[in-house]
Amino acid sequence: MITAKKASFTKSVLADGDAYTSVSVTIRNNSGKKVSVNPLYFTVTDTNGTKHTDELGVDDKQIDTVDLSPGENISGTVTGKGTFTPKYVTFTEDLFGDPVRVDVK
């Protein structure tokens, strides 16, 4: 299960300026097998239909790279370059799995 909501951008030392948009995501593993989570597995699509890939390391609260066992969860941000209104987040495990899309609340 994945949830996504608007979040404030928390600038890290790697950020080039403040023109970034962050979304807070939480992933809970409700399956019976391990789920791999990586910031690269996320994209954020804005209200204009533009897809934004995660800008690695620019937000101090970026989601970590982990393997979730059944019942575990993790939260963190996914951050795109530029200022935009996020509409939904897409998570594709291992970049080749079935994409899961959730609306940003």
N, C-alpha and C. Protein backbone atom coordinates (compact mmCIF):
# COMPACT_ATOMS: atom_id res chain seq x y z
N MET A 1 0.84 -1.18 0.00
CA MET A 1 0.00 0.00 0.00
C MET A 1 0.89 1.25 0.00
N ILE A 2 0.54 2.22 -0.80
CA ILE A 2 1.29 3.46 -0.90
C ILE A 2 0.34 4.63 -0.67
N THR A 3 0.80 5.60 0.10
CA THR A 3 0.07 6.86 0.24
C THR A 3 1.03 7.99 -0.11
N ALA A 4 0.47 9.10 -0.58
CA ALA A 4 1.29 10.26 -0.95
C ALA A 4 0.55 11.54 -0.58
N LYS A 5 1.30 12.49 -0.05
CA LYS A 5 0.71 13.79 0.28
C LYS A 5 1.74 14.88 0.04
N LYS A 6 1.24 16.09 -0.18
CA LYS A 6 2.13 17.23 -0.40
C LYS A 6 3.02 17.42 0.82
N ALA A 7 4.26 17.85 0.57
CA ALA A 7 5.21 18.05 1.66
C ALA A 7 6.04 19.29 1.38
N SER A 8 6.58 19.86 2.42
CA SER A 8 7.50 20.98 2.27
C SER A 8 8.86 20.46 1.83
N PHE A 9 9.52 21.19 0.96
CA PHE A 9 10.87 20.84 0.53
C PHE A 9 11.84 21.20 1.65
N THR A 10 12.65 20.23 2.08
CA THR A 10 13.65 20.44 3.13
C THR A 10 15.02 20.36 2.47
N LYS A 11 15.58 21.52 2.15
CA LYS A 11 16.80 21.63 1.37
C LYS A 11 17.99 20.94 2.03
N SER A 12 18.70 20.11 1.26
CA SER A 12 19.94 19.50 1.72
C SER A 12 21.12 20.29 1.14
N VAL A 13 22.32 19.93 1.53
CA VAL A 13 23.51 20.61 1.02
C VAL A 13 23.72 20.35 -0.47
N LEU A 14 23.08 19.33 -1.00
CA LEU A 14 23.23 19.00 -2.42
C LEU A 14 22.27 19.77 -3.33
N ALA A 15 21.29 20.44 -2.74
CA ALA A 15 20.29 21.16 -3.54
C ALA A 15 20.88 22.41 -4.16
N ASP A 16 20.51 22.64 -5.41
CA ASP A 16 20.94 23.83 -6.15
C ASP A 16 19.76 24.80 -6.19
N GLY A 17 19.65 25.62 -5.13
CA GLY A 17 18.53 26.55 -5.03
C GLY A 17 17.35 25.92 -4.31
N ASP A 18 16.19 26.57 -4.44
CA ASP A 18 14.99 26.12 -3.74
C ASP A 18 13.87 25.70 -4.69
N ALA A 19 14.15 25.64 -5.98
CA ALA A 19 13.10 25.33 -6.96
C ALA A 19 12.90 23.82 -7.09
N TYR A 20 12.33 23.22 -6.03
CA TYR A 20 12.03 21.80 -6.01
C TYR A 20 10.65 21.60 -5.40
N THR A 21 10.02 20.49 -5.75
CA THR A 21 8.73 20.15 -5.18
C THR A 21 8.83 18.75 -4.59
N SER A 22 8.45 18.62 -3.31
CA SER A 22 8.52 17.34 -2.62
C SER A 22 7.14 16.77 -2.33
N VAL A 23 7.08 15.45 -2.34
CA VAL A 23 5.88 14.70 -1.96
C VAL A 23 6.31 13.68 -0.91
N SER A 24 5.56 13.62 0.18
CA SER A 24 5.84 12.63 1.21
C SER A 24 5.11 11.33 0.85
N VAL A 25 5.86 10.23 0.79
CA VAL A 25 5.27 8.93 0.47
C VAL A 25 5.50 7.96 1.62
N THR A 26 4.53 7.09 1.83
CA THR A 26 4.66 6.00 2.79
C THR A 26 4.32 4.71 2.06
N ILE A 27 5.19 3.73 2.20
CA ILE A 27 4.96 2.41 1.60
C ILE A 27 4.85 1.41 2.74
N ARG A 28 3.78 0.64 2.73
CA ARG A 28 3.59 -0.45 3.69
C ARG A 28 3.54 -1.75 2.88
N ASN A 29 4.35 -2.71 3.28
CA ASN A 29 4.38 -4.00 2.59
C ASN A 29 3.27 -4.89 3.14
N ASN A 30 2.18 -4.97 2.39
CA ASN A 30 1.05 -5.82 2.77
C ASN A 30 1.10 -7.17 2.06
N SER A 31 2.19 -7.43 1.35
CA SER A 31 2.31 -8.70 0.62
C SER A 31 3.00 -9.74 1.51
N GLY A 32 3.16 -10.92 0.97
CA GLY A 32 3.84 -11.99 1.70
C GLY A 32 5.30 -12.14 1.31
N LYS A 33 5.80 -11.18 0.51
CA LYS A 33 7.21 -11.25 0.08
C LYS A 33 7.88 -9.90 0.30
N LYS A 34 9.19 -9.90 0.19
CA LYS A 34 9.97 -8.68 0.36
C LYS A 34 9.64 -7.69 -0.77
N VAL A 35 9.64 -6.39 -0.41
CA VAL A 35 9.44 -5.33 -1.39
C VAL A 35 10.67 -4.41 -1.34
N SER A 36 11.30 -4.19 -2.49
CA SER A 36 12.45 -3.30 -2.56
C SER A 36 11.98 -1.87 -2.82
N VAL A 37 12.54 -0.92 -2.05
CA VAL A 37 12.20 0.49 -2.19
C VAL A 37 13.50 1.24 -2.51
N ASN A 38 13.42 2.13 -3.49
CA ASN A 38 14.57 2.92 -3.90
C ASN A 38 14.01 4.25 -4.44
N PRO A 39 14.65 5.38 -4.14
CA PRO A 39 14.14 6.65 -4.68
C PRO A 39 14.02 6.66 -6.20
N LEU A 40 14.84 5.88 -6.88
CA LEU A 40 14.80 5.83 -8.34
C LEU A 40 13.56 5.14 -8.87
N TYR A 41 12.82 4.44 -8.01
CA TYR A 41 11.62 3.72 -8.44
C TYR A 41 10.38 4.61 -8.47
N PHE A 42 10.54 5.91 -8.15
CA PHE A 42 9.42 6.83 -8.07
C PHE A 42 9.47 7.91 -9.14
N THR A 43 8.30 8.30 -9.63
CA THR A 43 8.15 9.50 -10.44
C THR A 43 6.95 10.26 -9.89
N VAL A 44 6.97 11.59 -10.09
CA VAL A 44 5.85 12.44 -9.69
C VAL A 44 5.31 13.09 -10.96
N THR A 45 4.01 12.97 -11.19
CA THR A 45 3.39 13.60 -12.35
C THR A 45 2.59 14.80 -11.86
N ASP A 46 2.78 15.93 -12.54
CA ASP A 46 2.11 17.16 -12.11
C ASP A 46 0.75 17.32 -12.78
N THR A 47 0.05 18.38 -12.41
CA THR A 47 -1.31 18.60 -12.92
C THR A 47 -1.33 18.92 -14.41
N ASN A 48 -0.18 19.21 -15.02
CA ASN A 48 -0.10 19.44 -16.46
C ASN A 48 0.25 18.17 -17.22
N GLY A 49 0.46 17.05 -16.48
CA GLY A 49 0.81 15.79 -17.13
C GLY A 49 2.30 15.57 -17.30
N THR A 50 3.13 16.47 -16.79
CA THR A 50 4.58 16.33 -16.90
C THR A 50 5.09 15.40 -15.81
N LYS A 51 5.92 14.43 -16.23
CA LYS A 51 6.49 13.46 -15.29
C LYS A 51 7.84 13.97 -14.81
N HIS A 52 8.05 13.91 -13.48
CA HIS A 52 9.30 14.37 -12.86
C HIS A 52 9.97 13.18 -12.17
N THR A 53 11.24 12.93 -12.49
CA THR A 53 11.98 11.89 -11.80
C THR A 53 12.51 12.45 -10.49
N ASP A 54 12.87 11.56 -9.56
CA ASP A 54 13.37 11.98 -8.26
C ASP A 54 14.76 12.58 -8.40
N GLU A 55 14.95 13.77 -7.81
CA GLU A 55 16.26 14.42 -7.77
C GLU A 55 16.97 13.91 -6.52
N LEU A 56 17.91 13.01 -6.71
CA LEU A 56 18.56 12.33 -5.60
C LEU A 56 19.34 13.27 -4.69
N GLY A 57 19.08 13.14 -3.39
CA GLY A 57 19.86 13.83 -2.37
C GLY A 57 19.56 15.29 -2.14
N VAL A 58 18.57 15.87 -2.81
CA VAL A 58 18.33 17.31 -2.64
C VAL A 58 17.43 17.63 -1.45
N ASP A 59 16.63 16.64 -0.99
CA ASP A 59 15.75 16.83 0.16
C ASP A 59 16.29 15.99 1.32
N ASP A 60 16.46 16.63 2.48
CA ASP A 60 16.98 15.93 3.66
C ASP A 60 16.11 14.76 4.10
N LYS A 61 14.84 14.76 3.69
CA LYS A 61 13.92 13.72 4.14
C LYS A 61 13.64 12.68 3.05
N GLN A 62 14.55 12.57 2.06
CA GLN A 62 14.37 11.64 0.95
C GLN A 62 14.14 10.21 1.46
N ILE A 63 13.26 9.48 0.78
CA ILE A 63 12.99 8.09 1.14
C ILE A 63 14.27 7.28 0.95
N ASP A 64 14.51 6.34 1.85
CA ASP A 64 15.73 5.54 1.82
C ASP A 64 15.59 4.34 0.88
N THR A 65 16.73 3.75 0.56
CA THR A 65 16.78 2.50 -0.18
C THR A 65 16.76 1.38 0.84
N VAL A 66 15.70 0.58 0.82
CA VAL A 66 15.53 -0.50 1.80
C VAL A 66 14.79 -1.67 1.16
N ASP A 67 14.86 -2.81 1.83
CA ASP A 67 13.99 -3.94 1.54
C ASP A 67 13.02 -4.05 2.69
N LEU A 68 11.72 -4.01 2.39
CA LEU A 68 10.69 -4.12 3.41
C LEU A 68 10.21 -5.57 3.51
N SER A 69 10.28 -6.13 4.70
CA SER A 69 9.70 -7.44 4.95
C SER A 69 8.19 -7.27 5.09
N PRO A 70 7.44 -8.37 4.97
CA PRO A 70 5.98 -8.26 5.15
C PRO A 70 5.63 -7.56 6.47
N GLY A 71 4.72 -6.59 6.40
CA GLY A 71 4.28 -5.85 7.57
C GLY A 71 5.08 -4.59 7.87
N GLU A 72 6.24 -4.41 7.26
CA GLU A 72 7.06 -3.23 7.52
C GLU A 72 6.62 -2.06 6.63
N ASN A 73 7.01 -0.85 7.05
CA ASN A 73 6.72 0.34 6.25
C ASN A 73 7.86 1.33 6.36
N ILE A 74 7.87 2.29 5.44
CA ILE A 74 8.87 3.36 5.44
C ILE A 74 8.22 4.61 4.84
N SER A 75 8.66 5.77 5.32
CA SER A 75 8.19 7.05 4.80
C SER A 75 9.38 7.92 4.44
N GLY A 76 9.18 8.81 3.49
CA GLY A 76 10.20 9.77 3.09
C GLY A 76 9.68 10.58 1.92
N THR A 77 10.51 11.47 1.42
CA THR A 77 10.06 12.31 0.31
C THR A 77 10.62 11.85 -1.03
N VAL A 78 9.86 12.20 -2.06
CA VAL A 78 10.28 12.09 -3.45
C VAL A 78 10.21 13.51 -3.96
N THR A 79 11.30 13.99 -4.59
CA THR A 79 11.41 15.40 -4.94
C THR A 79 11.75 15.58 -6.41
N GLY A 80 10.95 16.41 -7.08
CA GLY A 80 11.20 16.74 -8.47
C GLY A 80 11.77 18.14 -8.61
N LYS A 81 12.51 18.36 -9.69
CA LYS A 81 13.09 19.68 -9.95
C LYS A 81 12.00 20.61 -10.46
N GLY A 82 12.00 21.83 -9.93
CA GLY A 82 11.04 22.84 -10.37
C GLY A 82 9.90 22.97 -9.37
N THR A 83 9.13 24.02 -9.58
CA THR A 83 7.96 24.27 -8.74
C THR A 83 6.73 23.88 -9.55
N PHE A 84 5.97 22.91 -9.05
CA PHE A 84 4.79 22.42 -9.75
C PHE A 84 3.80 21.87 -8.73
N THR A 85 2.59 21.58 -9.20
CA THR A 85 1.56 21.00 -8.34
C THR A 85 1.52 19.50 -8.62
N PRO A 86 1.92 18.66 -7.64
CA PRO A 86 1.93 17.22 -7.87
C PRO A 86 0.52 16.65 -7.92
N LYS A 87 0.26 15.77 -8.89
CA LYS A 87 -1.06 15.14 -9.03
C LYS A 87 -1.03 13.69 -8.54
N TYR A 88 -0.03 12.93 -8.99
CA TYR A 88 0.09 11.56 -8.52
C TYR A 88 1.55 11.10 -8.53
N VAL A 89 1.81 10.05 -7.75
CA VAL A 89 3.13 9.43 -7.65
C VAL A 89 3.01 8.02 -8.21
N THR A 90 4.02 7.62 -8.98
CA THR A 90 4.07 6.26 -9.52
C THR A 90 5.29 5.56 -8.94
N PHE A 91 5.09 4.36 -8.42
CA PHE A 91 6.15 3.52 -7.88
C PHE A 91 6.24 2.27 -8.74
N THR A 92 7.44 1.99 -9.27
CA THR A 92 7.68 0.80 -10.08
C THR A 92 8.83 0.05 -9.46
N GLU A 93 8.53 -1.04 -8.73
CA GLU A 93 9.57 -1.80 -8.04
C GLU A 93 10.56 -2.37 -9.04
N ASP A 94 11.84 -2.21 -8.73
CA ASP A 94 12.96 -2.70 -9.55
C ASP A 94 12.95 -2.13 -10.97
N LEU A 95 12.22 -1.06 -11.18
CA LEU A 95 12.09 -0.37 -12.48
C LEU A 95 11.39 -1.19 -13.54
N PHE A 96 11.14 -2.49 -13.29
CA PHE A 96 10.53 -3.35 -14.30
C PHE A 96 9.22 -3.97 -13.83
N GLY A 97 8.85 -3.76 -12.57
CA GLY A 97 7.62 -4.35 -12.03
C GLY A 97 6.39 -3.63 -12.53
N ASP A 98 5.25 -4.05 -12.02
CA ASP A 98 4.00 -3.38 -12.37
C ASP A 98 3.92 -2.05 -11.63
N PRO A 99 3.70 -0.95 -12.34
CA PRO A 99 3.64 0.35 -11.67
C PRO A 99 2.39 0.47 -10.79
N VAL A 100 2.58 1.14 -9.65
CA VAL A 100 1.47 1.45 -8.74
C VAL A 100 1.37 2.96 -8.69
N ARG A 101 0.18 3.48 -8.98
CA ARG A 101 -0.02 4.93 -9.02
C ARG A 101 -1.00 5.34 -7.94
N VAL A 102 -0.64 6.39 -7.19
CA VAL A 102 -1.52 6.92 -6.15
C VAL A 102 -1.63 8.43 -6.28
N ASP A 103 -2.81 8.95 -6.01
CA ASP A 103 -3.03 10.39 -6.04
C ASP A 103 -2.35 11.05 -4.84
N VAL A 104 -1.86 12.26 -5.07
CA VAL A 104 -1.28 13.06 -3.99
C VAL A 104 -2.41 13.79 -3.29
N LYS A 105 -2.51 13.62 -1.99
CA LYS A 105 -3.57 14.25 -1.20
C LYS A 105 -3.15 15.63 -0.76
